Protein backbone atom coordinates (compact mmCIF):
# COMPACT_ATOMS: atom_id res chain seq x y z
CA MET A 1 81.23 129.45 55.47
CA ASN A 2 84.68 131.17 56.02
CA ARG A 3 84.94 131.72 59.80
CA PRO A 4 87.87 134.04 60.96
CA LEU A 5 90.86 131.92 62.29
CA ALA A 6 90.49 133.41 65.79
CA THR A 7 86.97 132.10 66.02
CA ILE A 8 88.12 128.69 65.04
CA ARG A 9 90.94 128.70 67.50
CA HIS A 10 88.52 129.89 70.37
CA ALA A 11 86.11 126.92 69.45
CA VAL A 12 89.00 124.43 69.38
CA ASP A 13 90.34 125.86 72.78
CA ALA A 14 86.90 125.64 74.45
CA GLU A 15 86.40 122.03 73.24
CA SER A 16 89.72 121.03 74.67
CA ARG A 17 89.09 122.70 77.82
CA GLN A 18 85.76 120.95 78.19
CA ALA A 19 87.39 117.51 77.40
CA ALA A 20 90.07 118.12 79.97
CA GLU A 21 87.59 119.12 82.56
CA ARG A 22 85.51 115.86 81.87
CA LEU A 23 88.78 113.83 82.36
CA VAL A 24 89.49 115.64 85.58
CA ASN A 25 86.00 114.90 86.91
CA LEU A 26 86.04 111.22 85.60
CA LEU A 27 89.42 110.50 87.24
CA ASP A 28 88.56 112.34 90.24
CA ILE A 29 91.84 114.57 90.01
CA PRO A 30 91.85 117.15 92.81
CA LEU A 31 91.94 120.71 91.72
CA GLY A 32 93.31 123.88 93.23
CA GLY A 33 94.62 123.73 96.68
CA SER A 34 92.95 120.32 97.37
CA PRO A 35 95.39 117.82 98.90
CA ALA A 36 95.95 114.92 96.50
CA LEU A 37 96.59 112.53 99.36
CA GLN A 38 96.07 112.52 103.09
CA HIS A 39 98.08 110.06 105.19
CA SER A 40 98.60 109.57 108.89
CA GLY A 41 102.29 109.22 108.43
CA ARG A 42 102.38 105.57 109.55
CA LEU A 43 103.27 102.70 107.49
CA ARG A 44 103.01 98.96 108.37
CA LEU A 45 105.59 96.86 106.65
CA PRO A 46 105.19 93.12 106.61
CA SER A 47 107.68 91.29 108.79
CA VAL A 48 110.64 89.83 107.02
CA GLN A 49 111.13 86.15 107.32
CA PRO A 50 114.96 85.69 107.43
CA VAL A 51 116.34 82.98 105.01
CA ALA A 52 117.90 79.93 106.59
CA ILE A 53 120.98 78.14 105.05
CA GLY A 54 121.54 74.67 106.25
CA ASP A 55 123.83 71.91 104.92
CA ARG A 56 122.94 72.54 101.22
CA MET A 57 122.64 75.95 99.49
CA PRO A 58 119.02 76.76 98.73
CA ASP A 59 117.93 78.42 95.54
CA LEU A 60 117.73 82.21 96.66
CA THR A 61 116.61 83.32 93.20
CA GLY A 62 113.94 85.96 93.45
CA THR A 63 114.59 86.53 97.27
CA ALA A 64 114.52 90.14 98.57
CA LYS A 65 117.86 91.59 99.75
CA ARG A 66 116.12 92.70 102.83
CA SER A 67 115.25 88.97 103.68
CA LEU A 68 119.00 88.07 103.26
CA LEU A 69 120.54 90.74 105.52
CA PRO A 70 120.90 88.41 108.56
CA LEU A 71 123.26 86.23 106.49
CA LEU A 72 125.82 89.09 107.02
CA GLU A 73 126.01 88.13 110.69
CA ARG A 74 126.99 84.54 110.06
CA GLU A 75 130.66 84.02 111.11
CA ASP A 76 130.98 80.67 109.16
CA LEU A 77 130.21 82.22 105.71
CA GLN A 78 131.71 85.22 103.68
CA VAL A 79 128.76 86.82 102.26
CA VAL A 80 128.99 89.26 99.32
CA PHE A 81 126.07 91.35 98.06
CA VAL A 82 126.20 93.12 94.80
CA GLY A 83 123.42 95.36 93.74
CA GLU A 84 119.95 96.15 95.10
CA GLY A 85 116.56 94.34 94.84
CA TYR A 86 116.05 90.67 94.38
CA VAL A 87 118.51 87.87 93.74
CA VAL A 88 119.10 87.20 90.06
CA ARG A 89 122.35 85.23 90.38
CA GLN A 90 124.13 83.16 93.12
CA SER A 91 127.27 81.42 93.77
CA PRO A 92 127.62 78.75 94.83
CA PRO A 93 124.54 77.30 92.97
CA PRO A 94 121.64 75.73 94.74
CA GLY A 95 122.10 72.23 95.98
CA GLU A 96 125.87 72.56 96.70
CA THR A 97 127.18 71.50 100.09
CA VAL A 98 127.68 74.55 102.41
CA GLN A 99 131.20 74.49 103.89
CA GLU A 100 132.63 76.70 106.62
CA GLY A 101 134.54 79.68 105.27
CA MET A 102 132.92 79.53 101.87
CA THR A 103 132.01 82.74 100.09
CA LEU A 104 128.39 83.26 99.09
CA ARG A 105 128.08 85.79 96.34
CA LEU A 106 124.54 87.17 95.53
CA GLU A 107 123.79 89.47 92.71
CA PHE A 108 120.61 91.69 92.96
CA GLU A 109 118.48 93.49 90.39
């Protein structure tokens, strides 16, 4: 029953290769020069609904930075953005009265 080590390695390599080929087929992974993805080059992004700030500060937690960019155009508020992503902290807190000239600081992650 003592098979040479080279024969055992060959058998293991063949089994590994067969297992890999089965996974490639199962997962529909393209091989060789096949393109993995074809795309027209066009992306349609959902429209961004700007956030409105009235007399009271809304809770902006979880709001995307992209939705808040129009706030930078307001002349009655100083707006400070820190970071990228979604609002995780804000100052002033939700419910506080909005006053002309106040600073709105939004931290994103």
